[in-house]
Amino acid sequence: MRHFPGLRNGFVYIGTEYLEFEWVENRKEYQQGKLPYHDIFIKNPAPFGIGLTTDDIKTLHRNWRRRGFKVAPVYSRGPRGAKEGDPPWWSFQKIPTVLLLGVWSFALTYLFRKNKKGKVVRIGGNSIYAIKGITFVVSNPKNRAKKWKKLLAPRTSIMEEPGICRLIIGPHTFTWMTKDAYKNYYGVHRFRKNS
């Protein structure tokens, strides 16, 4: 799908979730219409964002505010090109990067989805049907894990081993590793420049 400013995206569906890839396709249109945050699309290899879904974004917002987190008001919108008066499709909660270090994140509620029918699980031809989690390479794994735990999983324990911290949030495992731990764990001996 192509969209403003000069961007294009595609999706890989895995189980009940998906990975969205977005890139700059038309550099001239991009340079003329981009907003400051758009440059994240051309920086590698950091992920652009992680979307966290919830059935009730307003309750999530109230809970975070009650726990002392400073978050912006919830806002709703429809797809690009929606007609005036059309109901919104999503409600979003921006998450400041100081709360979840290392990636731009947000929470959302799909307003048009009804969970009465359940979620569709897409099983790939290679039999993959779930995303286990995500791994970040950082200089201080414990500091990052503590930040994520504080916001998203205060009752969960951080699992530690030398150079590695893991945090289970719902069905996913978030892992932070030092560069040396990553190299040893995955057998990677070279990193790309700026990684």
N, C-alpha and C. Protein backbone atom coordinates (compact mmCIF):
# COMPACT_ATOMS: atom_id res chain seq x y z
N MET A 1 0.84 -1.18 0.00
CA MET A 1 0.00 0.00 0.00
C MET A 1 0.89 1.24 0.00
N ARG A 2 0.59 2.22 -0.88
CA ARG A 2 1.34 3.47 -0.93
C ARG A 2 0.60 4.54 -0.14
N HIS A 3 1.33 5.37 0.58
CA HIS A 3 0.69 6.45 1.30
C HIS A 3 1.67 7.60 1.50
N PHE A 4 1.14 8.72 1.89
CA PHE A 4 1.88 9.97 2.05
C PHE A 4 2.86 9.86 3.21
N PRO A 5 4.06 10.48 3.16
CA PRO A 5 4.66 11.16 2.00
C PRO A 5 5.65 10.26 1.27
N GLY A 6 5.24 9.67 0.18
CA GLY A 6 6.12 8.83 -0.62
C GLY A 6 6.48 7.50 0.02
N LEU A 7 5.64 7.04 0.94
CA LEU A 7 5.92 5.79 1.66
C LEU A 7 5.16 4.62 1.07
N ARG A 8 5.65 3.45 1.37
CA ARG A 8 4.96 2.22 0.98
C ARG A 8 5.11 1.22 2.11
N ASN A 9 4.10 0.40 2.32
CA ASN A 9 4.22 -0.60 3.38
C ASN A 9 3.68 -1.95 2.92
N GLY A 10 4.06 -2.96 3.66
CA GLY A 10 3.60 -4.32 3.41
C GLY A 10 3.54 -5.06 4.74
N PHE A 11 2.78 -6.14 4.78
CA PHE A 11 2.55 -6.86 6.03
C PHE A 11 2.93 -8.32 5.89
N VAL A 12 3.47 -8.87 6.97
CA VAL A 12 3.69 -10.31 7.09
C VAL A 12 2.87 -10.76 8.28
N TYR A 13 1.84 -11.54 8.03
CA TYR A 13 0.96 -12.00 9.10
C TYR A 13 1.52 -13.28 9.72
N ILE A 14 1.59 -13.27 11.04
CA ILE A 14 2.11 -14.41 11.78
C ILE A 14 1.15 -14.68 12.93
N GLY A 15 0.44 -15.76 12.87
CA GLY A 15 -0.54 -16.07 13.91
C GLY A 15 -1.61 -15.01 13.98
N THR A 16 -1.80 -14.41 15.16
CA THR A 16 -2.80 -13.36 15.33
C THR A 16 -2.17 -11.98 15.22
N GLU A 17 -0.89 -11.91 14.88
CA GLU A 17 -0.17 -10.64 14.83
C GLU A 17 0.43 -10.44 13.45
N TYR A 18 1.14 -9.34 13.30
CA TYR A 18 1.80 -9.10 12.02
C TYR A 18 3.01 -8.21 12.21
N LEU A 19 3.91 -8.30 11.26
CA LEU A 19 5.01 -7.37 11.14
C LEU A 19 4.68 -6.45 9.97
N GLU A 20 4.85 -5.16 10.19
CA GLU A 20 4.61 -4.20 9.12
C GLU A 20 5.95 -3.60 8.71
N PHE A 21 6.23 -3.66 7.42
CA PHE A 21 7.45 -3.08 6.88
C PHE A 21 7.08 -1.82 6.12
N GLU A 22 7.79 -0.75 6.40
CA GLU A 22 7.49 0.52 5.76
C GLU A 22 8.80 1.11 5.26
N TRP A 23 8.76 1.65 4.05
CA TRP A 23 9.97 2.21 3.47
C TRP A 23 9.63 3.41 2.60
N VAL A 24 10.68 4.17 2.27
CA VAL A 24 10.52 5.34 1.40
C VAL A 24 10.63 4.86 -0.04
N GLU A 25 9.55 5.06 -0.79
CA GLU A 25 9.54 4.63 -2.19
C GLU A 25 9.79 5.80 -3.13
N ASN A 26 9.20 6.96 -2.81
CA ASN A 26 9.35 8.14 -3.65
C ASN A 26 10.10 9.21 -2.86
N ARG A 27 11.42 9.33 -3.08
CA ARG A 27 12.24 10.24 -2.27
C ARG A 27 11.87 11.71 -2.47
N LYS A 28 11.47 12.07 -3.66
CA LYS A 28 11.10 13.47 -3.92
C LYS A 28 9.85 13.84 -3.10
N GLU A 29 8.82 13.02 -3.18
CA GLU A 29 7.60 13.26 -2.41
C GLU A 29 7.88 13.21 -0.92
N TYR A 30 8.77 12.31 -0.52
CA TYR A 30 9.13 12.18 0.89
C TYR A 30 9.79 13.46 1.41
N GLN A 31 10.76 13.97 0.68
CA GLN A 31 11.48 15.17 1.11
C GLN A 31 10.56 16.38 1.17
N GLN A 32 9.58 16.45 0.27
CA GLN A 32 8.68 17.60 0.24
C GLN A 32 7.62 17.55 1.35
N GLY A 33 7.21 16.36 1.77
CA GLY A 33 6.09 16.28 2.69
C GLY A 33 6.35 15.64 4.04
N LYS A 34 7.60 15.24 4.30
CA LYS A 34 7.87 14.51 5.54
C LYS A 34 7.75 15.40 6.78
N LEU A 35 7.39 14.76 7.88
CA LEU A 35 7.41 15.38 9.20
C LEU A 35 8.69 14.92 9.91
N PRO A 36 9.12 15.61 10.97
CA PRO A 36 10.39 15.24 11.60
C PRO A 36 10.52 13.77 11.98
N TYR A 37 9.44 13.16 12.47
CA TYR A 37 9.55 11.76 12.90
C TYR A 37 9.67 10.78 11.74
N HIS A 38 9.35 11.22 10.51
CA HIS A 38 9.39 10.30 9.38
C HIS A 38 10.79 9.75 9.12
N ASP A 39 11.85 10.47 9.49
CA ASP A 39 13.20 10.00 9.18
C ASP A 39 13.54 8.68 9.84
N ILE A 40 12.74 8.27 10.82
CA ILE A 40 12.96 6.96 11.43
C ILE A 40 12.81 5.86 10.38
N PHE A 41 12.05 6.13 9.32
CA PHE A 41 11.85 5.12 8.27
C PHE A 41 13.12 4.82 7.49
N ILE A 42 14.08 5.74 7.50
CA ILE A 42 15.29 5.51 6.70
C ILE A 42 16.51 5.25 7.58
N LYS A 43 16.28 5.00 8.88
CA LYS A 43 17.38 4.67 9.78
C LYS A 43 17.36 3.18 10.05
N ASN A 44 18.51 2.55 9.93
CA ASN A 44 18.63 1.12 10.19
C ASN A 44 19.59 0.89 11.33
N PRO A 45 19.47 -0.23 12.02
CA PRO A 45 18.49 -1.28 11.88
C PRO A 45 17.42 -1.23 12.95
N ALA A 46 17.24 -0.09 13.62
CA ALA A 46 16.26 -0.01 14.70
C ALA A 46 14.84 -0.18 14.19
N PRO A 47 13.98 -0.87 14.95
CA PRO A 47 12.57 -0.96 14.54
C PRO A 47 11.89 0.39 14.68
N PHE A 48 10.92 0.65 13.82
CA PHE A 48 10.20 1.92 13.89
C PHE A 48 9.31 1.96 15.11
N GLY A 49 8.56 0.91 15.36
CA GLY A 49 7.64 0.95 16.48
C GLY A 49 7.09 -0.41 16.84
N ILE A 50 6.60 -0.48 18.06
CA ILE A 50 5.90 -1.68 18.52
C ILE A 50 4.52 -1.24 18.97
N GLY A 51 3.50 -1.82 18.37
CA GLY A 51 2.13 -1.52 18.74
C GLY A 51 1.61 -2.56 19.72
N LEU A 52 1.08 -2.10 20.83
CA LEU A 52 0.54 -2.98 21.85
C LEU A 52 -0.98 -2.84 21.82
N THR A 53 -1.69 -3.93 21.62
CA THR A 53 -3.14 -3.84 21.52
C THR A 53 -3.80 -4.09 22.88
N THR A 54 -4.92 -3.42 23.06
CA THR A 54 -5.74 -3.61 24.25
C THR A 54 -7.19 -3.45 23.85
N ASP A 55 -8.08 -4.13 24.54
CA ASP A 55 -9.51 -4.01 24.22
C ASP A 55 -10.11 -2.70 24.71
N ASP A 56 -9.43 -2.03 25.65
CA ASP A 56 -9.98 -0.80 26.24
C ASP A 56 -8.86 0.20 26.49
N ILE A 57 -8.55 1.01 25.50
CA ILE A 57 -7.44 1.96 25.58
C ILE A 57 -7.68 3.03 26.64
N LYS A 58 -8.94 3.40 26.87
CA LYS A 58 -9.22 4.44 27.86
C LYS A 58 -8.93 3.95 29.28
N THR A 59 -9.24 2.69 29.55
CA THR A 59 -8.92 2.13 30.87
C THR A 59 -7.40 2.03 31.05
N LEU A 60 -6.70 1.62 30.00
CA LEU A 60 -5.24 1.58 30.06
C LEU A 60 -4.67 2.96 30.37
N HIS A 61 -5.19 3.98 29.69
CA HIS A 61 -4.74 5.36 29.91
C HIS A 61 -4.96 5.77 31.37
N ARG A 62 -6.15 5.49 31.90
CA ARG A 62 -6.45 5.85 33.29
C ARG A 62 -5.52 5.12 34.27
N ASN A 63 -5.27 3.84 34.01
CA ASN A 63 -4.38 3.07 34.89
C ASN A 63 -2.97 3.64 34.90
N TRP A 64 -2.45 3.96 33.72
CA TRP A 64 -1.10 4.53 33.65
C TRP A 64 -1.03 5.88 34.35
N ARG A 65 -2.04 6.72 34.16
CA ARG A 65 -2.04 8.03 34.82
C ARG A 65 -2.13 7.85 36.34
N ARG A 66 -2.95 6.91 36.79
CA ARG A 66 -3.10 6.66 38.22
C ARG A 66 -1.78 6.16 38.83
N ARG A 67 -1.00 5.42 38.04
CA ARG A 67 0.29 4.91 38.52
C ARG A 67 1.41 5.94 38.40
N GLY A 68 1.08 7.15 37.93
CA GLY A 68 2.05 8.24 37.91
C GLY A 68 2.78 8.44 36.60
N PHE A 69 2.39 7.74 35.54
CA PHE A 69 3.06 7.92 34.25
C PHE A 69 2.44 9.10 33.51
N LYS A 70 3.29 9.92 32.91
CA LYS A 70 2.82 11.07 32.14
C LYS A 70 2.64 10.64 30.70
N VAL A 71 1.39 10.50 30.29
CA VAL A 71 1.07 10.11 28.92
C VAL A 71 0.05 11.09 28.35
N ALA A 72 0.15 11.29 27.06
CA ALA A 72 -0.75 12.21 26.36
C ALA A 72 -2.17 11.65 26.34
N PRO A 73 -3.16 12.49 26.05
CA PRO A 73 -4.53 12.00 25.93
C PRO A 73 -4.67 10.97 24.80
N VAL A 74 -5.64 10.10 24.94
CA VAL A 74 -5.98 9.14 23.88
C VAL A 74 -6.59 9.91 22.72
N TYR A 75 -6.26 9.49 21.49
CA TYR A 75 -6.89 10.10 20.32
C TYR A 75 -7.34 9.00 19.37
N SER A 76 -8.34 9.31 18.55
CA SER A 76 -8.90 8.33 17.61
C SER A 76 -8.84 8.88 16.20
N ARG A 77 -8.76 7.97 15.25
CA ARG A 77 -8.76 8.39 13.85
C ARG A 77 -9.19 7.24 12.95
N GLY A 78 -9.52 7.62 11.72
CA GLY A 78 -9.87 6.64 10.71
C GLY A 78 -8.74 6.49 9.72
N PRO A 79 -8.92 5.70 8.68
CA PRO A 79 -7.88 5.53 7.67
C PRO A 79 -7.71 6.80 6.86
N ARG A 80 -6.54 6.96 6.27
CA ARG A 80 -6.29 8.11 5.41
C ARG A 80 -7.34 8.13 4.29
N GLY A 81 -7.91 9.28 4.04
CA GLY A 81 -8.92 9.39 3.00
C GLY A 81 -10.34 9.15 3.49
N ALA A 82 -10.51 8.94 4.80
CA ALA A 82 -11.87 8.74 5.34
C ALA A 82 -12.69 10.01 5.17
N LYS A 83 -13.98 9.85 4.96
CA LYS A 83 -14.86 11.00 4.77
C LYS A 83 -15.19 11.63 6.12
N GLU A 84 -15.44 12.92 6.11
CA GLU A 84 -15.80 13.62 7.32
C GLU A 84 -17.08 13.02 7.90
N GLY A 85 -17.08 12.75 9.19
CA GLY A 85 -18.24 12.14 9.83
C GLY A 85 -18.17 10.63 9.93
N ASP A 86 -17.23 9.99 9.18
CA ASP A 86 -17.06 8.54 9.30
C ASP A 86 -16.54 8.21 10.70
N PRO A 87 -16.98 7.10 11.28
CA PRO A 87 -16.47 6.73 12.62
C PRO A 87 -15.00 6.34 12.55
N PRO A 88 -14.25 6.60 13.62
CA PRO A 88 -12.83 6.22 13.63
C PRO A 88 -12.66 4.70 13.66
N TRP A 89 -11.52 4.24 13.19
CA TRP A 89 -11.20 2.82 13.20
C TRP A 89 -10.35 2.43 14.39
N TRP A 90 -9.52 3.38 14.86
CA TRP A 90 -8.58 3.06 15.94
C TRP A 90 -8.58 4.17 16.98
N SER A 91 -8.23 3.80 18.22
CA SER A 91 -7.90 4.77 19.27
C SER A 91 -6.48 4.46 19.71
N PHE A 92 -5.67 5.53 19.86
CA PHE A 92 -4.25 5.38 20.13
C PHE A 92 -3.84 6.04 21.44
N GLN A 93 -2.85 5.44 22.08
CA GLN A 93 -2.18 6.03 23.24
C GLN A 93 -0.69 6.09 22.90
N LYS A 94 -0.16 7.29 22.73
CA LYS A 94 1.28 7.43 22.52
C LYS A 94 2.01 7.06 23.80
N ILE A 95 3.16 6.42 23.65
CA ILE A 95 3.99 6.05 24.80
C ILE A 95 5.31 6.79 24.68
N PRO A 96 5.59 7.72 25.59
CA PRO A 96 6.85 8.46 25.51
C PRO A 96 8.06 7.53 25.50
N THR A 97 9.06 7.86 24.70
CA THR A 97 10.24 7.00 24.60
C THR A 97 11.00 6.90 25.92
N VAL A 98 10.81 7.85 26.82
CA VAL A 98 11.48 7.74 28.13
C VAL A 98 10.89 6.61 28.96
N LEU A 99 9.67 6.19 28.65
CA LEU A 99 9.03 5.10 29.39
C LEU A 99 9.42 3.73 28.85
N LEU A 100 9.52 3.63 27.53
CA LEU A 100 9.95 2.38 26.90
C LEU A 100 11.18 2.70 26.05
N LEU A 101 12.33 2.64 26.68
CA LEU A 101 13.56 3.01 25.99
C LEU A 101 13.86 2.06 24.84
N GLY A 102 14.39 2.62 23.76
CA GLY A 102 14.91 1.80 22.67
C GLY A 102 14.05 1.68 21.45
N VAL A 103 12.79 2.10 21.53
CA VAL A 103 11.92 1.98 20.36
C VAL A 103 10.72 2.90 20.54
N TRP A 104 10.21 3.42 19.43
CA TRP A 104 8.99 4.21 19.47
C TRP A 104 7.83 3.22 19.61
N SER A 105 6.95 3.45 20.58
CA SER A 105 5.87 2.50 20.84
C SER A 105 4.54 3.22 21.03
N PHE A 106 3.48 2.47 20.93
CA PHE A 106 2.14 3.00 21.13
C PHE A 106 1.21 1.85 21.50
N ALA A 107 0.11 2.20 22.13
CA ALA A 107 -0.94 1.23 22.41
C ALA A 107 -2.16 1.62 21.59
N LEU A 108 -2.96 0.65 21.21
CA LEU A 108 -4.14 0.96 20.42
C LEU A 108 -5.27 -0.01 20.69
N THR A 109 -6.47 0.45 20.38
CA THR A 109 -7.66 -0.37 20.39
C THR A 109 -8.26 -0.32 18.99
N TYR A 110 -8.57 -1.48 18.42
CA TYR A 110 -9.24 -1.55 17.14
C TYR A 110 -10.74 -1.37 17.41
N LEU A 111 -11.29 -0.26 17.03
CA LEU A 111 -12.67 0.06 17.37
C LEU A 111 -13.69 -0.74 16.57
N PHE A 112 -13.31 -1.18 15.38
CA PHE A 112 -14.27 -1.88 14.52
C PHE A 112 -14.23 -3.39 14.70
N ARG A 113 -13.31 -3.89 15.52
CA ARG A 113 -13.21 -5.33 15.72
C ARG A 113 -14.07 -5.77 16.89
N LYS A 114 -14.77 -6.85 16.70
CA LYS A 114 -15.55 -7.46 17.76
C LYS A 114 -14.91 -8.81 18.07
N ASN A 115 -14.56 -9.04 19.33
CA ASN A 115 -13.85 -10.26 19.69
C ASN A 115 -14.77 -11.47 19.90
N LYS A 116 -16.07 -11.30 19.63
CA LYS A 116 -16.99 -12.41 19.82
C LYS A 116 -16.63 -13.60 18.94
N LYS A 117 -16.11 -13.33 17.76
CA LYS A 117 -15.77 -14.40 16.83
C LYS A 117 -14.38 -14.97 17.10
N GLY A 118 -13.61 -14.31 17.94
CA GLY A 118 -12.23 -14.75 18.20
C GLY A 118 -11.29 -14.22 17.13
N LYS A 119 -10.01 -14.40 17.36
CA LYS A 119 -9.00 -13.91 16.42
C LYS A 119 -8.66 -14.98 15.40
N VAL A 120 -8.33 -14.54 14.22
CA VAL A 120 -7.94 -15.46 13.15
C VAL A 120 -6.45 -15.76 13.32
N VAL A 121 -6.10 -17.03 13.36
CA VAL A 121 -4.70 -17.44 13.44
C VAL A 121 -4.26 -17.85 12.05
N ARG A 122 -3.26 -17.15 11.54
CA ARG A 122 -2.73 -17.48 10.20
C ARG A 122 -1.48 -18.33 10.37
N ILE A 123 -1.49 -19.53 9.84
CA ILE A 123 -0.34 -20.42 9.93
C ILE A 123 0.37 -20.41 8.58
N GLY A 124 1.64 -20.02 8.61
CA GLY A 124 2.41 -19.91 7.38
C GLY A 124 2.74 -21.26 6.78
N GLY A 125 3.16 -21.24 5.52
CA GLY A 125 3.53 -22.46 4.82
C GLY A 125 4.68 -23.19 5.50
N ASN A 126 5.50 -22.46 6.25
CA ASN A 126 6.61 -23.08 6.98
C ASN A 126 6.21 -23.47 8.39
N SER A 127 4.92 -23.41 8.69
CA SER A 127 4.29 -23.80 9.95
C SER A 127 4.49 -22.81 11.09
N ILE A 128 5.10 -21.64 10.84
CA ILE A 128 5.24 -20.63 11.89
C ILE A 128 3.87 -20.01 12.14
N TYR A 129 3.48 -19.95 13.42
CA TYR A 129 2.16 -19.40 13.73
C TYR A 129 2.19 -18.41 14.89
N ALA A 130 3.38 -18.01 15.36
CA ALA A 130 3.44 -17.07 16.47
C ALA A 130 4.76 -16.31 16.46
N ILE A 131 4.74 -15.14 17.08
CA ILE A 131 5.96 -14.37 17.31
C ILE A 131 6.33 -14.57 18.78
N LYS A 132 7.50 -15.12 19.03
CA LYS A 132 7.90 -15.38 20.41
C LYS A 132 8.24 -14.09 21.14
N GLY A 133 8.93 -13.18 20.46
CA GLY A 133 9.33 -11.95 21.12
C GLY A 133 10.28 -11.15 20.27
N ILE A 134 11.02 -10.27 20.92
CA ILE A 134 11.95 -9.41 20.21
C ILE A 134 13.20 -9.25 21.05
N THR A 135 14.35 -9.11 20.38
CA THR A 135 15.62 -8.95 21.07
C THR A 135 16.23 -7.60 20.71
N PHE A 136 16.69 -6.88 21.74
CA PHE A 136 17.37 -5.60 21.56
C PHE A 136 18.83 -5.76 21.97
N VAL A 137 19.74 -5.15 21.22
CA VAL A 137 21.15 -5.12 21.58
C VAL A 137 21.43 -3.76 22.20
N VAL A 138 21.84 -3.76 23.48
CA VAL A 138 22.00 -2.52 24.23
C VAL A 138 23.24 -2.63 25.13
N SER A 139 23.70 -1.48 25.62
CA SER A 139 24.87 -1.50 26.50
C SER A 139 24.51 -1.88 27.94
N ASN A 140 23.27 -1.61 28.36
CA ASN A 140 22.86 -1.90 29.74
C ASN A 140 21.51 -2.63 29.73
N PRO A 141 21.51 -3.95 29.56
CA PRO A 141 20.26 -4.71 29.47
C PRO A 141 19.34 -4.54 30.68
N LYS A 142 19.90 -4.52 31.89
CA LYS A 142 19.07 -4.46 33.09
C LYS A 142 18.31 -3.14 33.17
N ASN A 143 18.96 -2.04 32.82
CA ASN A 143 18.31 -0.73 32.85
C ASN A 143 17.10 -0.71 31.90
N ARG A 144 17.28 -1.24 30.69
CA ARG A 144 16.18 -1.28 29.72
C ARG A 144 15.05 -2.18 30.22
N ALA A 145 15.39 -3.36 30.71
CA ALA A 145 14.37 -4.30 31.16
C ALA A 145 13.57 -3.71 32.33
N LYS A 146 14.23 -3.01 33.23
CA LYS A 146 13.55 -2.41 34.37
C LYS A 146 12.53 -1.36 33.93
N LYS A 147 12.88 -0.58 32.91
CA LYS A 147 11.95 0.44 32.40
C LYS A 147 10.70 -0.21 31.83
N TRP A 148 10.87 -1.24 31.00
CA TRP A 148 9.74 -1.92 30.39
C TRP A 148 8.88 -2.61 31.45
N LYS A 149 9.53 -3.24 32.42
CA LYS A 149 8.81 -3.91 33.51
C LYS A 149 7.94 -2.92 34.27
N LYS A 150 8.50 -1.76 34.58
CA LYS A 150 7.78 -0.76 35.37
C LYS A 150 6.48 -0.35 34.70
N LEU A 151 6.50 -0.16 33.38
CA LEU A 151 5.29 0.28 32.67
C LEU A 151 4.35 -0.87 32.33
N LEU A 152 4.90 -1.97 31.81
CA LEU A 152 4.06 -3.00 31.20
C LEU A 152 3.83 -4.25 32.04
N ALA A 153 4.75 -4.55 32.95
CA ALA A 153 4.61 -5.82 33.69
C ALA A 153 5.19 -5.70 35.09
N PRO A 154 4.61 -4.83 35.93
CA PRO A 154 5.21 -4.59 37.25
C PRO A 154 5.26 -5.81 38.16
N ARG A 155 4.41 -6.81 37.93
CA ARG A 155 4.40 -8.01 38.79
C ARG A 155 5.27 -9.14 38.25
N THR A 156 5.93 -8.90 37.12
CA THR A 156 6.76 -9.92 36.49
C THR A 156 8.21 -9.75 36.91
N SER A 157 8.91 -10.86 37.04
CA SER A 157 10.32 -10.82 37.42
C SER A 157 11.21 -10.78 36.18
N ILE A 158 12.31 -10.05 36.29
CA ILE A 158 13.31 -10.01 35.22
C ILE A 158 14.22 -11.22 35.38
N MET A 159 14.41 -11.97 34.31
CA MET A 159 15.32 -13.12 34.33
C MET A 159 16.68 -12.64 33.84
N GLU A 160 17.71 -12.92 34.60
CA GLU A 160 19.04 -12.42 34.27
C GLU A 160 20.05 -13.54 34.11
N GLU A 161 20.96 -13.33 33.18
CA GLU A 161 22.17 -14.12 33.04
C GLU A 161 23.23 -13.16 32.52
N PRO A 162 24.50 -13.54 32.52
CA PRO A 162 25.54 -12.57 32.14
C PRO A 162 25.27 -11.89 30.78
N GLY A 163 25.11 -10.57 30.83
CA GLY A 163 24.91 -9.79 29.61
C GLY A 163 23.53 -9.88 29.00
N ILE A 164 22.59 -10.56 29.66
CA ILE A 164 21.26 -10.79 29.10
C ILE A 164 20.19 -10.59 30.17
N CYS A 165 19.12 -9.89 29.81
CA CYS A 165 17.94 -9.79 30.68
C CYS A 165 16.70 -10.11 29.84
N ARG A 166 15.77 -10.86 30.43
CA ARG A 166 14.54 -11.22 29.74
C ARG A 166 13.34 -10.86 30.60
N LEU A 167 12.27 -10.47 29.92
CA LEU A 167 11.04 -10.11 30.60
C LEU A 167 9.89 -10.70 29.79
N ILE A 168 9.03 -11.48 30.46
CA ILE A 168 7.87 -12.05 29.78
C ILE A 168 6.69 -11.12 29.99
N ILE A 169 6.12 -10.66 28.88
CA ILE A 169 4.96 -9.77 28.91
C ILE A 169 3.87 -10.46 28.09
N GLY A 170 2.84 -10.94 28.77
CA GLY A 170 1.79 -11.69 28.06
C GLY A 170 2.41 -12.91 27.41
N PRO A 171 2.15 -13.15 26.12
CA PRO A 171 2.70 -14.33 25.45
C PRO A 171 4.09 -14.12 24.88
N HIS A 172 4.68 -12.94 25.09
CA HIS A 172 5.95 -12.62 24.44
C HIS A 172 7.11 -12.47 25.41
N THR A 173 8.30 -12.78 24.91
CA THR A 173 9.52 -12.61 25.68
C THR A 173 10.32 -11.47 25.07
N PHE A 174 10.59 -10.45 25.86
CA PHE A 174 11.43 -9.34 25.43
C PHE A 174 12.81 -9.56 26.02
N THR A 175 13.83 -9.48 25.17
CA THR A 175 15.20 -9.78 25.58
C THR A 175 16.10 -8.60 25.25
N TRP A 176 16.95 -8.26 26.22
CA TRP A 176 17.97 -7.22 26.01
C TRP A 176 19.32 -7.89 26.23
N MET A 177 20.25 -7.68 25.27
CA MET A 177 21.57 -8.30 25.33
C MET A 177 22.65 -7.26 25.06
N THR A 178 23.81 -7.44 25.67
CA THR A 178 24.95 -6.65 25.27
C THR A 178 25.40 -7.15 23.90
N LYS A 179 26.22 -6.36 23.22
CA LYS A 179 26.70 -6.77 21.91
C LYS A 179 27.49 -8.08 22.00
N ASP A 180 28.33 -8.21 23.02
CA ASP A 180 29.11 -9.44 23.16
C ASP A 180 28.22 -10.65 23.45
N ALA A 181 27.21 -10.46 24.29
CA ALA A 181 26.29 -11.57 24.59
C ALA A 181 25.54 -11.99 23.33
N TYR A 182 25.12 -11.00 22.52
CA TYR A 182 24.41 -11.30 21.28
C TYR A 182 25.30 -12.11 20.34
N LYS A 183 26.56 -11.67 20.20
CA LYS A 183 27.49 -12.38 19.31
C LYS A 183 27.67 -13.83 19.75
N ASN A 184 27.84 -14.03 21.07
CA ASN A 184 28.04 -15.39 21.58
C ASN A 184 26.77 -16.23 21.45
N TYR A 185 25.62 -15.64 21.76
CA TYR A 185 24.36 -16.38 21.75
C TYR A 185 23.95 -16.83 20.35
N TYR A 186 24.11 -15.91 19.39
CA TYR A 186 23.67 -16.20 18.02
C TYR A 186 24.81 -16.57 17.08
N GLY A 187 26.05 -16.56 17.56
CA GLY A 187 27.18 -16.91 16.70
C GLY A 187 27.43 -15.87 15.63
N VAL A 188 27.14 -14.62 15.93
CA VAL A 188 27.37 -13.52 14.98
C VAL A 188 28.73 -12.91 15.29
N HIS A 189 29.56 -12.77 14.28
CA HIS A 189 30.91 -12.26 14.53
C HIS A 189 31.14 -10.86 13.97
N ARG A 190 30.19 -10.34 13.21
CA ARG A 190 30.34 -8.99 12.69
C ARG A 190 29.02 -8.26 12.79
N PHE A 191 29.07 -6.98 13.10
CA PHE A 191 27.88 -6.13 13.12
C PHE A 191 27.98 -5.15 11.97
N ARG A 192 26.85 -4.80 11.40
CA ARG A 192 26.83 -3.74 10.39
C ARG A 192 27.17 -2.43 11.05
N LYS A 193 27.69 -1.51 10.27
CA LYS A 193 27.98 -0.17 10.77
C LYS A 193 26.68 0.45 11.26
N ASN A 194 26.75 1.20 12.38
CA ASN A 194 25.60 1.88 13.01
C ASN A 194 24.64 0.91 13.69
N SER A 195 25.04 -0.35 13.90
CA SER A 195 24.12 -1.27 14.57
C SER A 195 24.28 -1.18 16.06
